[in-house]
PDB file of all heavy atoms in Angstrom:
ATOM      1  N   LEU A   1      -1.614  16.033 -13.355  1.00  0.00           N
ATOM      2  CA  LEU A   1      -1.573  16.269 -14.801  1.00  0.00           C
ATOM      3  C   LEU A   1      -2.765  15.570 -15.457  1.00  0.00           C
ATOM      4  O   LEU A   1      -3.164  14.477 -15.054  1.00  0.00           O
ATOM      5  CB  LEU A   1      -0.271  15.736 -15.402  1.00  0.00           C
ATOM      6  CG  LEU A   1       1.027  16.327 -14.842  1.00  0.00           C
ATOM      7  CD1 LEU A   1       2.235  15.660 -15.495  1.00  0.00           C
ATOM      8  CD2 LEU A   1       1.081  17.834 -15.059  1.00  0.00           C
ATOM      9  N   TYR A   2      -3.302  16.220 -16.511  1.00  0.00           N
ATOM     10  CA  TYR A   2      -4.501  15.679 -17.155  1.00  0.00           C
ATOM     11  C   TYR A   2      -4.421  15.828 -18.669  1.00  0.00           C
ATOM     12  O   TYR A   2      -3.985  16.873 -19.175  1.00  0.00           O
ATOM     13  CB  TYR A   2      -5.753  16.406 -16.653  1.00  0.00           C
ATOM     14  CG  TYR A   2      -5.931  16.315 -15.163  1.00  0.00           C
ATOM     15  CD1 TYR A   2      -5.468  17.329 -14.329  1.00  0.00           C
ATOM     16  CD2 TYR A   2      -6.547  15.206 -14.586  1.00  0.00           C
ATOM     17  CE1 TYR A   2      -5.613  17.239 -12.949  1.00  0.00           C
ATOM     18  CE2 TYR A   2      -6.703  15.110 -13.214  1.00  0.00           C
ATOM     19  CZ  TYR A   2      -6.229  16.132 -12.405  1.00  0.00           C
ATOM     20  OH  TYR A   2      -6.372  16.037 -11.042  1.00  0.00           O
ATOM     21  N   PRO A   3      -4.837  14.794 -19.422  1.00  0.00           N
ATOM     22  CA  PRO A   3      -4.940  14.944 -20.880  1.00  0.00           C
ATOM     23  C   PRO A   3      -6.155  15.796 -21.195  1.00  0.00           C
ATOM     24  O   PRO A   3      -7.272  15.444 -20.836  1.00  0.00           O
ATOM     25  CB  PRO A   3      -5.110  13.501 -21.365  1.00  0.00           C
ATOM     26  CG  PRO A   3      -5.767  12.800 -20.208  1.00  0.00           C
ATOM     27  CD  PRO A   3      -5.259  13.459 -18.965  1.00  0.00           C
ATOM     28  N   TYR A   4      -5.945  16.931 -21.845  1.00  0.00           N
ATOM     29  CA  TYR A   4      -7.025  17.890 -22.060  1.00  0.00           C
ATOM     30  C   TYR A   4      -7.679  17.730 -23.423  1.00  0.00           C
ATOM     31  O   TYR A   4      -8.892  17.637 -23.548  1.00  0.00           O
ATOM     32  CB  TYR A   4      -6.484  19.304 -21.889  1.00  0.00           C
ATOM     33  CG  TYR A   4      -7.474  20.400 -22.124  1.00  0.00           C
ATOM     34  CD1 TYR A   4      -8.643  20.469 -21.379  1.00  0.00           C
ATOM     35  CD2 TYR A   4      -7.251  21.374 -23.094  1.00  0.00           C
ATOM     36  CE1 TYR A   4      -9.567  21.492 -21.583  1.00  0.00           C
ATOM     37  CE2 TYR A   4      -8.162  22.398 -23.303  1.00  0.00           C
ATOM     38  CZ  TYR A   4      -9.315  22.448 -22.548  1.00  0.00           C
ATOM     39  OH  TYR A   4     -10.218  23.448 -22.761  1.00  0.00           O
ATOM     40  N   SER A   5      -6.854  17.682 -24.477  1.00  0.00           N
ATOM     41  CA  SER A   5      -7.397  17.554 -25.830  1.00  0.00           C
ATOM     42  C   SER A   5      -6.270  17.229 -26.791  1.00  0.00           C
ATOM     43  O   SER A   5      -5.087  17.246 -26.417  1.00  0.00           O
ATOM     44  CB  SER A   5      -8.097  18.854 -26.245  1.00  0.00           C
ATOM     45  OG  SER A   5      -8.789  18.690 -27.467  1.00  0.00           O
ATOM     46  N   PHE A   6      -6.655  16.931 -28.028  1.00  0.00           N
ATOM     47  CA  PHE A   6      -5.694  16.705 -29.105  1.00  0.00           C
ATOM     48  C   PHE A   6      -5.897  17.752 -30.188  1.00  0.00           C
ATOM     49  O   PHE A   6      -7.024  18.173 -30.457  1.00  0.00           O
ATOM     50  CB  PHE A   6      -5.891  15.327 -29.736  1.00  0.00           C
ATOM     51  CG  PHE A   6      -5.310  14.178 -28.961  1.00  0.00           C
ATOM     52  CD1 PHE A   6      -6.042  13.561 -27.963  1.00  0.00           C
ATOM     53  CD2 PHE A   6      -4.042  13.700 -29.240  1.00  0.00           C
ATOM     54  CE1 PHE A   6      -5.541  12.488 -27.254  1.00  0.00           C
ATOM     55  CE2 PHE A   6      -3.515  12.619 -28.542  1.00  0.00           C
ATOM     56  CZ  PHE A   6      -4.262  12.016 -27.541  1.00  0.00           C
ATOM     57  N   THR A   7      -4.813  18.147 -30.844  1.00  0.00           N
ATOM     58  CA  THR A   7      -4.925  18.970 -32.037  1.00  0.00           C
ATOM     59  C   THR A   7      -5.155  18.047 -33.230  1.00  0.00           C
ATOM     60  O   THR A   7      -4.998  16.824 -33.133  1.00  0.00           O
ATOM     61  CB  THR A   7      -3.654  19.804 -32.268  1.00  0.00           C
ATOM     62  OG1 THR A   7      -2.572  18.926 -32.649  1.00  0.00           O
ATOM     63  CG2 THR A   7      -3.261  20.566 -30.996  1.00  0.00           C
ATOM     64  N   SER A   8      -5.503  18.622 -34.371  1.00  0.00           N
ATOM     65  CA  SER A   8      -5.707  17.811 -35.566  1.00  0.00           C
ATOM     66  C   SER A   8      -4.406  17.202 -36.068  1.00  0.00           C
ATOM     67  O   SER A   8      -4.426  16.275 -36.881  1.00  0.00           O
ATOM     68  CB  SER A   8      -6.351  18.657 -36.670  1.00  0.00           C
ATOM     69  OG  SER A   8      -5.525  19.764 -36.998  1.00  0.00           O
ATOM     70  N   SER A   9      -3.276  17.711 -35.578  1.00  0.00           N
ATOM     71  CA  SER A   9      -1.963  17.158 -35.946  1.00  0.00           C
ATOM     72  C   SER A   9      -1.541  16.035 -35.007  1.00  0.00           C
ATOM     73  O   SER A   9      -0.389  15.610 -35.044  1.00  0.00           O
ATOM     74  CB  SER A   9      -0.901  18.262 -35.931  1.00  0.00           C
ATOM     75  OG  SER A   9      -1.222  19.289 -36.836  1.00  0.00           O
ATOM     76  N   ARG A  10      -2.455  15.606 -34.124  1.00  0.00           N
ATOM     77  CA  ARG A  10      -2.241  14.510 -33.175  1.00  0.00           C
ATOM     78  C   ARG A  10      -1.363  14.910 -32.002  1.00  0.00           C
ATOM     79  O   ARG A  10      -0.925  14.057 -31.234  1.00  0.00           O
ATOM     80  CB  ARG A  10      -1.663  13.267 -33.865  1.00  0.00           C
ATOM     81  CG  ARG A  10      -2.580  12.661 -34.921  1.00  0.00           C
ATOM     82  CD  ARG A  10      -1.936  11.434 -35.531  1.00  0.00           C
ATOM     83  NE  ARG A  10      -1.673  10.409 -34.529  1.00  0.00           N
ATOM     84  CZ  ARG A  10      -0.806   9.413 -34.700  1.00  0.00           C
ATOM     85  NH1 ARG A  10      -0.110   9.323 -35.837  1.00  0.00           N
ATOM     86  NH2 ARG A  10      -0.627   8.513 -33.755  1.00  0.00           N
ATOM     87  N   ASP A  11      -1.080  16.199 -31.845  1.00  0.00           N
ATOM     88  CA  ASP A  11      -0.341  16.635 -30.664  1.00  0.00           C
ATOM     89  C   ASP A  11      -1.279  16.633 -29.468  1.00  0.00           C
ATOM     90  O   ASP A  11      -2.446  17.042 -29.566  1.00  0.00           O
ATOM     91  CB  ASP A  11       0.240  18.036 -30.861  1.00  0.00           C
ATOM     92  CG  ASP A  11       1.290  18.081 -31.959  1.00  0.00           C
ATOM     93  OD1 ASP A  11       1.956  17.047 -32.175  1.00  0.00           O
ATOM     94  OD2 ASP A  11       1.442  19.140 -32.608  1.00  0.00           O
ATOM     95  N   LEU A  12      -0.787  16.198 -28.339  1.00  0.00           N
ATOM     96  CA  LEU A  12      -1.589  16.082 -27.113  1.00  0.00           C
ATOM     97  C   LEU A  12      -1.357  17.295 -26.216  1.00  0.00           C
ATOM     98  O   LEU A  12      -0.220  17.704 -25.988  1.00  0.00           O
ATOM     99  CB  LEU A  12      -1.206  14.803 -26.363  1.00  0.00           C
ATOM    100  CG  LEU A  12      -1.790  14.611 -24.961  1.00  0.00           C
ATOM    101  CD1 LEU A  12      -3.312  14.488 -25.021  1.00  0.00           C
ATOM    102  CD2 LEU A  12      -1.172  13.382 -24.285  1.00  0.00           C
ATOM    103  N   ILE A  13      -2.451  17.867 -25.714  1.00  0.00           N
ATOM    104  CA  ILE A  13      -2.386  18.976 -24.771  1.00  0.00           C
ATOM    105  C   ILE A  13      -2.573  18.415 -23.369  1.00  0.00           C
ATOM    106  O   ILE A  13      -3.604  17.810 -23.069  1.00  0.00           O
ATOM    107  CB  ILE A  13      -3.468  20.033 -25.066  1.00  0.00           C
ATOM    108  CG1 ILE A  13      -3.289  20.589 -26.480  1.00  0.00           C
ATOM    109  CG2 ILE A  13      -3.422  21.158 -24.043  1.00  0.00           C
ATOM    110  CD1 ILE A  13      -4.423  21.494 -26.926  1.00  0.00           C
ATOM    111  N   VAL A  14      -1.567  18.603 -22.521  1.00  0.00           N
ATOM    112  CA  VAL A  14      -1.603  18.119 -21.144  1.00  0.00           C
ATOM    113  C   VAL A  14      -1.573  19.320 -20.214  1.00  0.00           C
ATOM    114  O   VAL A  14      -0.722  20.198 -20.340  1.00  0.00           O
ATOM    115  CB  VAL A  14      -0.409  17.189 -20.845  1.00  0.00           C
ATOM    116  CG1 VAL A  14      -0.376  16.825 -19.352  1.00  0.00           C
ATOM    117  CG2 VAL A  14      -0.505  15.923 -21.682  1.00  0.00           C
ATOM    118  N   THR A  15      -2.516  19.367 -19.282  1.00  0.00           N
ATOM    119  CA  THR A  15      -2.618  20.514 -18.388  1.00  0.00           C
ATOM    120  C   THR A  15      -2.161  20.161 -16.982  1.00  0.00           C
ATOM    121  O   THR A  15      -2.342  19.039 -16.504  1.00  0.00           O
ATOM    122  CB  THR A  15      -4.065  21.034 -18.321  1.00  0.00           C
ATOM    123  OG1 THR A  15      -4.923  20.001 -17.817  1.00  0.00           O
ATOM    124  CG2 THR A  15      -4.547  21.438 -19.697  1.00  0.00           C
ATOM    125  N   GLY A  16      -1.561  21.170 -16.326  1.00  0.00           N
ATOM    126  CA  GLY A  16      -1.131  21.044 -14.942  1.00  0.00           C
ATOM    127  C   GLY A  16      -1.615  22.244 -14.154  1.00  0.00           C
ATOM    128  O   GLY A  16      -2.435  23.035 -14.634  1.00  0.00           O
ATOM    129  N   THR A  17      -1.103  22.417 -12.961  1.00  0.00           N
ATOM    130  CA  THR A  17      -1.576  23.480 -12.081  1.00  0.00           C
ATOM    131  C   THR A  17      -1.287  24.871 -12.624  1.00  0.00           C
ATOM    132  O   THR A  17      -2.127  25.773 -12.547  1.00  0.00           O
ATOM    133  CB  THR A  17      -0.939  23.340 -10.700  1.00  0.00           C
ATOM    134  OG1 THR A  17      -1.195  22.020 -10.200  1.00  0.00           O
ATOM    135  CG2 THR A  17      -1.520  24.353  -9.718  1.00  0.00           C
ATOM    136  N   HIS A  18      -0.089  25.060 -13.200  1.00  0.00           N
ATOM    137  CA  HIS A  18       0.301  26.373 -13.721  1.00  0.00           C
ATOM    138  C   HIS A  18       0.793  26.323 -15.159  1.00  0.00           C
ATOM    139  O   HIS A  18       1.008  27.375 -15.768  1.00  0.00           O
ATOM    140  CB  HIS A  18       1.405  26.990 -12.856  1.00  0.00           C
ATOM    141  CG  HIS A  18       0.985  27.292 -11.455  1.00  0.00           C
ATOM    142  ND1 HIS A  18       1.051  26.364 -10.432  1.00  0.00           N
ATOM    143  CD2 HIS A  18       0.485  28.421 -10.902  1.00  0.00           C
ATOM    144  CE1 HIS A  18       0.621  26.905  -9.310  1.00  0.00           C
ATOM    145  NE2 HIS A  18       0.271  28.140  -9.560  1.00  0.00           N
ATOM    146  N   THR A  19       0.999  25.139 -15.700  1.00  0.00           N
ATOM    147  CA  THR A  19       1.558  25.024 -17.042  1.00  0.00           C
ATOM    148  C   THR A  19       0.738  24.075 -17.905  1.00  0.00           C
ATOM    149  O   THR A  19       0.025  23.200 -17.411  1.00  0.00           O
ATOM    150  CB  THR A  19       3.013  24.513 -16.998  1.00  0.00           C
ATOM    151  OG1 THR A  19       3.040  23.209 -16.393  1.00  0.00           O
ATOM    152  CG2 THR A  19       3.899  25.464 -16.210  1.00  0.00           C
ATOM    153  N   ILE A  20       0.863  24.278 -19.221  1.00  0.00           N
ATOM    154  CA  ILE A  20       0.243  23.421 -20.225  1.00  0.00           C
ATOM    155  C   ILE A  20       1.362  22.926 -21.127  1.00  0.00           C
ATOM    156  O   ILE A  20       2.206  23.718 -21.574  1.00  0.00           O
ATOM    157  CB  ILE A  20      -0.793  24.197 -21.057  1.00  0.00           C
ATOM    158  CG1 ILE A  20      -1.874  24.782 -20.153  1.00  0.00           C
ATOM    159  CG2 ILE A  20      -1.416  23.300 -22.118  1.00  0.00           C
ATOM    160  CD1 ILE A  20      -2.777  25.779 -20.850  1.00  0.00           C
ATOM    161  N   ALA A  21       1.394  21.628 -21.391  1.00  0.00           N
ATOM    162  CA  ALA A  21       2.426  21.054 -22.245  1.00  0.00           C
ATOM    163  C   ALA A  21       1.819  20.570 -23.549  1.00  0.00           C
ATOM    164  O   ALA A  21       0.729  19.978 -23.556  1.00  0.00           O
ATOM    165  CB  ALA A  21       3.132  19.902 -21.538  1.00  0.00           C
ATOM    166  N   LEU A  22       2.522  20.825 -24.642  1.00  0.00           N
ATOM    167  CA  LEU A  22       2.133  20.316 -25.960  1.00  0.00           C
ATOM    168  C   LEU A  22       3.084  19.181 -26.287  1.00  0.00           C
ATOM    169  O   LEU A  22       4.299  19.381 -26.380  1.00  0.00           O
ATOM    170  CB  LEU A  22       2.224  21.424 -27.008  1.00  0.00           C
ATOM    171  CG  LEU A  22       1.740  21.055 -28.414  1.00  0.00           C
ATOM    172  CD1 LEU A  22       0.232  20.805 -28.408  1.00  0.00           C
ATOM    173  CD2 LEU A  22       2.083  22.166 -29.411  1.00  0.00           C
ATOM    174  N   ILE A  23       2.535  17.976 -26.468  1.00  0.00           N
ATOM    175  CA  ILE A  23       3.342  16.766 -26.623  1.00  0.00           C
ATOM    176  C   ILE A  23       3.072  16.132 -27.979  1.00  0.00           C
ATOM    177  O   ILE A  23       1.918  15.948 -28.376  1.00  0.00           O
ATOM    178  CB  ILE A  23       3.024  15.767 -25.493  1.00  0.00           C
ATOM    179  CG1 ILE A  23       3.340  16.417 -24.134  1.00  0.00           C
ATOM    180  CG2 ILE A  23       3.799  14.478 -25.661  1.00  0.00           C
ATOM    181  CD1 ILE A  23       2.970  15.557 -22.950  1.00  0.00           C
ATOM    182  N   SER A  24       4.127  15.795 -28.689  1.00  0.00           N
ATOM    183  CA  SER A  24       4.008  15.214 -30.021  1.00  0.00           C
ATOM    184  C   SER A  24       3.570  13.763 -29.923  1.00  0.00           C
ATOM    185  O   SER A  24       3.629  13.142 -28.858  1.00  0.00           O
ATOM    186  CB  SER A  24       5.354  15.287 -30.745  1.00  0.00           C
ATOM    187  OG  SER A  24       6.263  14.348 -30.179  1.00  0.00           O
ATOM    188  N   PRO A  25       3.131  13.160 -31.054  1.00  0.00           N
ATOM    189  CA  PRO A  25       2.732  11.748 -31.033  1.00  0.00           C
ATOM    190  C   PRO A  25       3.855  10.817 -30.583  1.00  0.00           C
ATOM    191  O   PRO A  25       3.586   9.734 -30.063  1.00  0.00           O
ATOM    192  CB  PRO A  25       2.336  11.481 -32.487  1.00  0.00           C
ATOM    193  CG  PRO A  25       1.912  12.811 -33.017  1.00  0.00           C
ATOM    194  CD  PRO A  25       2.825  13.796 -32.353  1.00  0.00           C
ATOM    195  N   SER A  26       5.104  11.238 -30.759  1.00  0.00           N
ATOM    196  CA  SER A  26       6.234  10.412 -30.330  1.00  0.00           C
ATOM    197  C   SER A  26       6.525  10.541 -28.840  1.00  0.00           C
ATOM    198  O   SER A  26       7.361   9.819 -28.304  1.00  0.00           O
ATOM    199  CB  SER A  26       7.487  10.786 -31.126  1.00  0.00           C
ATOM    200  OG  SER A  26       7.894  12.123 -30.818  1.00  0.00           O
ATOM    201  N   GLY A  27       5.852  11.485 -28.179  1.00  0.00           N
ATOM    202  CA  GLY A  27       6.065  11.678 -26.751  1.00  0.00           C
ATOM    203  C   GLY A  27       6.997  12.819 -26.401  1.00  0.00           C
ATOM    204  O   GLY A  27       7.256  13.063 -25.218  1.00  0.00           O
ATOM    205  N   ALA A  28       7.484  13.545 -27.400  1.00  0.00           N
ATOM    206  CA  ALA A  28       8.388  14.664 -27.139  1.00  0.00           C
ATOM    207  C   ALA A  28       7.598  15.903 -26.729  1.00  0.00           C
ATOM    208  O   ALA A  28       6.535  16.189 -27.293  1.00  0.00           O
ATOM    209  CB  ALA A  28       9.224  14.972 -28.381  1.00  0.00           C
ATOM    210  N   ILE A  29       8.119  16.648 -25.749  1.00  0.00           N
ATOM    211  CA  ILE A  29       7.478  17.900 -25.343  1.00  0.00           C
ATOM    212  C   ILE A  29       7.882  18.996 -26.327  1.00  0.00           C
ATOM    213  O   ILE A  29       9.054  19.358 -26.430  1.00  0.00           O
ATOM    214  CB  ILE A  29       7.877  18.272 -23.908  1.00  0.00           C
ATOM    215  CG1 ILE A  29       7.362  17.220 -22.929  1.00  0.00           C
ATOM    216  CG2 ILE A  29       7.321  19.644 -23.548  1.00  0.00           C
ATOM    217  CD1 ILE A  29       7.715  17.493 -21.476  1.00  0.00           C
ATOM    218  N   LEU A  30       6.906  19.506 -27.058  1.00  0.00           N
ATOM    219  CA  LEU A  30       7.179  20.514 -28.080  1.00  0.00           C
ATOM    220  C   LEU A  30       7.276  21.912 -27.485  1.00  0.00           C
ATOM    221  O   LEU A  30       8.091  22.725 -27.930  1.00  0.00           O
ATOM    222  CB  LEU A  30       6.068  20.482 -29.136  1.00  0.00           C
ATOM    223  CG  LEU A  30       5.854  19.140 -29.844  1.00  0.00           C
ATOM    224  CD1 LEU A  30       4.650  19.212 -30.771  1.00  0.00           C
ATOM    225  CD2 LEU A  30       7.112  18.756 -30.620  1.00  0.00           C
ATOM    226  N   ARG A  31       6.439  22.208 -26.481  1.00  0.00           N
ATOM    227  CA  ARG A  31       6.480  23.517 -25.843  1.00  0.00           C
ATOM    228  C   ARG A  31       5.649  23.480 -24.569  1.00  0.00           C
ATOM    229  O   ARG A  31       4.709  22.700 -24.455  1.00  0.00           O
ATOM    230  CB  ARG A  31       5.951  24.613 -26.776  1.00  0.00           C
ATOM    231  CG  ARG A  31       6.014  25.999 -26.167  1.00  0.00           C
ATOM    232  CD  ARG A  31       5.953  27.095 -27.173  1.00  0.00           C
ATOM    233  NE  ARG A  31       6.065  28.396 -26.514  1.00  0.00           N
ATOM    234  CZ  ARG A  31       6.169  29.553 -27.152  1.00  0.00           C
ATOM    235  NH1 ARG A  31       6.171  29.590 -28.479  1.00  0.00           N
ATOM    236  NH2 ARG A  31       6.277  30.691 -26.477  1.00  0.00           N
ATOM    237  N   ARG A  32       6.035  24.348 -23.632  1.00  0.00           N
ATOM    238  CA  ARG A  32       5.252  24.541 -22.409  1.00  0.00           C
ATOM    239  C   ARG A  32       4.701  25.963 -22.400  1.00  0.00           C
ATOM    240  O   ARG A  32       5.392  26.911 -22.769  1.00  0.00           O
ATOM    241  CB  ARG A  32       6.113  24.310 -21.165  1.00  0.00           C
ATOM    242  CG  ARG A  32       6.602  22.872 -21.003  1.00  0.00           C
ATOM    243  CD  ARG A  32       7.321  22.709 -19.672  1.00  0.00           C
ATOM    244  NE  ARG A  32       7.905  21.399 -19.545  1.00  0.00           N
ATOM    245  CZ  ARG A  32       7.274  20.317 -19.103  1.00  0.00           C
ATOM    246  NH1 ARG A  32       6.003  20.426 -18.732  1.00  0.00           N
ATOM    247  NH2 ARG A  32       7.897  19.154 -19.013  1.00  0.00           N
ATOM    248  N   PHE A  33       3.456  26.093 -21.964  1.00  0.00           N
ATOM    249  CA  PHE A  33       2.809  27.400 -21.852  1.00  0.00           C
ATOM    250  C   PHE A  33       2.484  27.647 -20.379  1.00  0.00           C
ATOM    251  O   PHE A  33       1.893  26.789 -19.718  1.00  0.00           O
ATOM    252  CB  PHE A  33       1.516  27.438 -22.667  1.00  0.00           C
ATOM    253  CG  PHE A  33       1.662  26.934 -24.078  1.00  0.00           C
ATOM    254  CD1 PHE A  33       1.277  25.645 -24.412  1.00  0.00           C
ATOM    255  CD2 PHE A  33       2.177  27.753 -25.074  1.00  0.00           C
ATOM    256  CE1 PHE A  33       1.391  25.173 -25.706  1.00  0.00           C
ATOM    257  CE2 PHE A  33       2.294  27.294 -26.378  1.00  0.00           C
ATOM    258  CZ  PHE A  33       1.914  26.001 -26.694  1.00  0.00           C
ATOM    259  N   HIS A  34       2.834  28.813 -19.868  1.00  0.00           N
ATOM    260  CA  HIS A  34       2.534  29.173 -18.493  1.00  0.00           C
ATOM    261  C   HIS A  34       1.283  30.052 -18.477  1.00  0.00           C
ATOM    262  O   HIS A  34       1.209  31.042 -19.203  1.00  0.00           O
ATOM    263  CB  HIS A  34       3.721  29.908 -17.863  1.00  0.00           C
ATOM    264  CG  HIS A  34       4.962  29.079 -17.788  1.00  0.00           C
ATOM    265  ND1 HIS A  34       5.233  28.237 -16.735  1.00  0.00           N
ATOM    266  CD2 HIS A  34       5.987  28.929 -18.667  1.00  0.00           C
ATOM    267  CE1 HIS A  34       6.375  27.614 -16.954  1.00  0.00           C
ATOM    268  NE2 HIS A  34       6.858  28.019 -18.118  1.00  0.00           N
TER     269      HIS A  34
END
């Protein structure tokens, strides 16, 4: 897993082999993209 970028809303984009996770500043997973 790798930190890819941040949105202007401070959400973190984390990338994996087949999925991308959008994580809030509090650490909650907001959504996964395949």
